[in-house]
């Protein structure tokens, strides 16, 4: 339960676009998400790196 709380906190502290990316990653590939959002995959990978950085800062790098 503690990890879920930490993950929720890390995700909630991100801007809306990054929170949306987290939700989309549960059921879609990066290519599908990029197509749905109308953005290049490179931009999407940049956003994913921001999420990874946020998780690392929160001490959650084991869950990346």
C-alpha atoms as a PDB file:
ATOM      1  CA  UNK A   1       0.000   0.000   0.000  1.00  0.00           C
ATOM      2  CA  UNK A   2       2.851   2.343   0.762  1.00  0.00           C
ATOM      3  CA  UNK A   3       4.291   2.097  -2.750  1.00  0.00           C
ATOM      4  CA  UNK A   4       0.884   2.927  -4.234  1.00  0.00           C
ATOM      5  CA  UNK A   5       0.679   6.039  -2.068  1.00  0.00           C
ATOM      6  CA  UNK A   6       4.177   7.092  -3.126  1.00  0.00           C
ATOM      7  CA  UNK A   7       3.382   6.489  -6.811  1.00  0.00           C
ATOM      8  CA  UNK A   8       0.102   8.387  -6.562  1.00  0.00           C
ATOM      9  CA  UNK A   9       1.893  11.295  -4.904  1.00  0.00           C
ATOM     10  CA  UNK A  10       4.639  11.377  -7.557  1.00  0.00           C
ATOM     11  CA  UNK A  11       2.097  11.276 -10.381  1.00  0.00           C
ATOM     12  CA  UNK A  12      -0.210  13.855  -8.788  1.00  0.00           C
ATOM     13  CA  UNK A  13       2.638  16.332  -8.494  1.00  0.00           C
ATOM     14  CA  UNK A  14       3.219  16.309 -12.257  1.00  0.00           C
ATOM     15  CA  UNK A  15       1.488  18.636 -14.738  1.00  0.00           C
ATOM     16  CA  UNK A  16      -1.746  17.400 -16.293  1.00  0.00           C
ATOM     17  CA  UNK A  17      -0.094  16.274 -19.539  1.00  0.00           C
ATOM     18  CA  UNK A  18       2.284  13.974 -17.693  1.00  0.00           C
ATOM     19  CA  UNK A  19      -0.497  12.604 -15.506  1.00  0.00           C
ATOM     20  CA  UNK A  20      -2.464  11.857 -18.681  1.00  0.00           C
ATOM     21  CA  UNK A  21       0.550  10.050 -20.121  1.00  0.00           C
ATOM     22  CA  UNK A  22       0.679   7.806 -17.032  1.00  0.00           C
ATOM     23  CA  UNK A  23      -2.940   6.811 -17.542  1.00  0.00           C
ATOM     24  CA  UNK A  24      -2.452   6.164 -21.254  1.00  0.00           C
ATOM     25  CA  UNK A  25       0.639   4.017 -20.660  1.00  0.00           C
ATOM     26  CA  UNK A  26      -1.515   1.441 -18.869  1.00  0.00           C
ATOM     27  CA  UNK A  27      -3.234   0.370 -22.061  1.00  0.00           C
ATOM     28  CA  UNK A  28      -1.417   1.721 -25.095  1.00  0.00           C
ATOM     29  CA  UNK A  29       1.963   1.661 -26.768  1.00  0.00           C
ATOM     30  CA  UNK A  30       4.071   4.770 -27.181  1.00  0.00           C
ATOM     31  CA  UNK A  31       3.280   4.790 -30.915  1.00  0.00           C
ATOM     32  CA  UNK A  32      -0.461   4.602 -30.240  1.00  0.00           C
ATOM     33  CA  UNK A  33      -0.281   7.364 -27.641  1.00  0.00           C
ATOM     34  CA  UNK A  34       1.733   9.639 -29.931  1.00  0.00           C
ATOM     35  CA  UNK A  35      -0.778   9.102 -32.738  1.00  0.00           C
ATOM     36  CA  UNK A  36      -3.774   9.710 -30.432  1.00  0.00           C
ATOM     37  CA  UNK A  37      -2.200  12.870 -29.000  1.00  0.00           C
ATOM     38  CA  UNK A  38      -1.001  14.086 -32.396  1.00  0.00           C
ATOM     39  CA  UNK A  39       2.600  14.546 -31.254  1.00  0.00           C
ATOM     40  CA  UNK A  40       5.891  13.028 -32.426  1.00  0.00           C
ATOM     41  CA  UNK A  41       7.154   9.993 -30.553  1.00  0.00           C
ATOM     42  CA  UNK A  42      10.345  11.899 -29.732  1.00  0.00           C
ATOM     43  CA  UNK A  43       8.263  14.464 -27.832  1.00  0.00           C
ATOM     44  CA  UNK A  44       6.456  11.664 -26.053  1.00  0.00           C
ATOM     45  CA  UNK A  45       9.753  10.047 -25.040  1.00  0.00           C
ATOM     46  CA  UNK A  46      10.898  13.409 -23.671  1.00  0.00           C
ATOM     47  CA  UNK A  47       7.790  13.457 -21.499  1.00  0.00           C
ATOM     48  CA  UNK A  48       8.412   9.882 -20.416  1.00  0.00           C
ATOM     49  CA  UNK A  49      11.910  10.888 -19.317  1.00  0.00           C
ATOM     50  CA  UNK A  50      10.385  13.664 -17.207  1.00  0.00           C
ATOM     51  CA  UNK A  51       8.172  11.067 -15.530  1.00  0.00           C
ATOM     52  CA  UNK A  52      11.180   8.847 -14.891  1.00  0.00           C
ATOM     53  CA  UNK A  53      13.031  11.791 -13.359  1.00  0.00           C
ATOM     54  CA  UNK A  54      10.061  12.517 -11.095  1.00  0.00           C
ATOM     55  CA  UNK A  55       9.927   8.889  -9.956  1.00  0.00           C
ATOM     56  CA  UNK A  56      13.672   8.892  -9.306  1.00  0.00           C
ATOM     57  CA  UNK A  57      13.391  12.091  -7.266  1.00  0.00           C
ATOM     58  CA  UNK A  58      10.624  10.436  -5.238  1.00  0.00           C
ATOM     59  CA  UNK A  59      12.910   7.459  -4.525  1.00  0.00           C
ATOM     60  CA  UNK A  60      10.924   5.152  -6.786  1.00  0.00           C
ATOM     61  CA  UNK A  61      13.626   4.265  -9.328  1.00  0.00           C
ATOM     62  CA  UNK A  62      13.179   0.551  -8.560  1.00  0.00           C
ATOM     63  CA  UNK A  63       9.721   0.764 -10.145  1.00  0.00           C
ATOM     64  CA  UNK A  64      10.677   2.362 -13.440  1.00  0.00           C
END
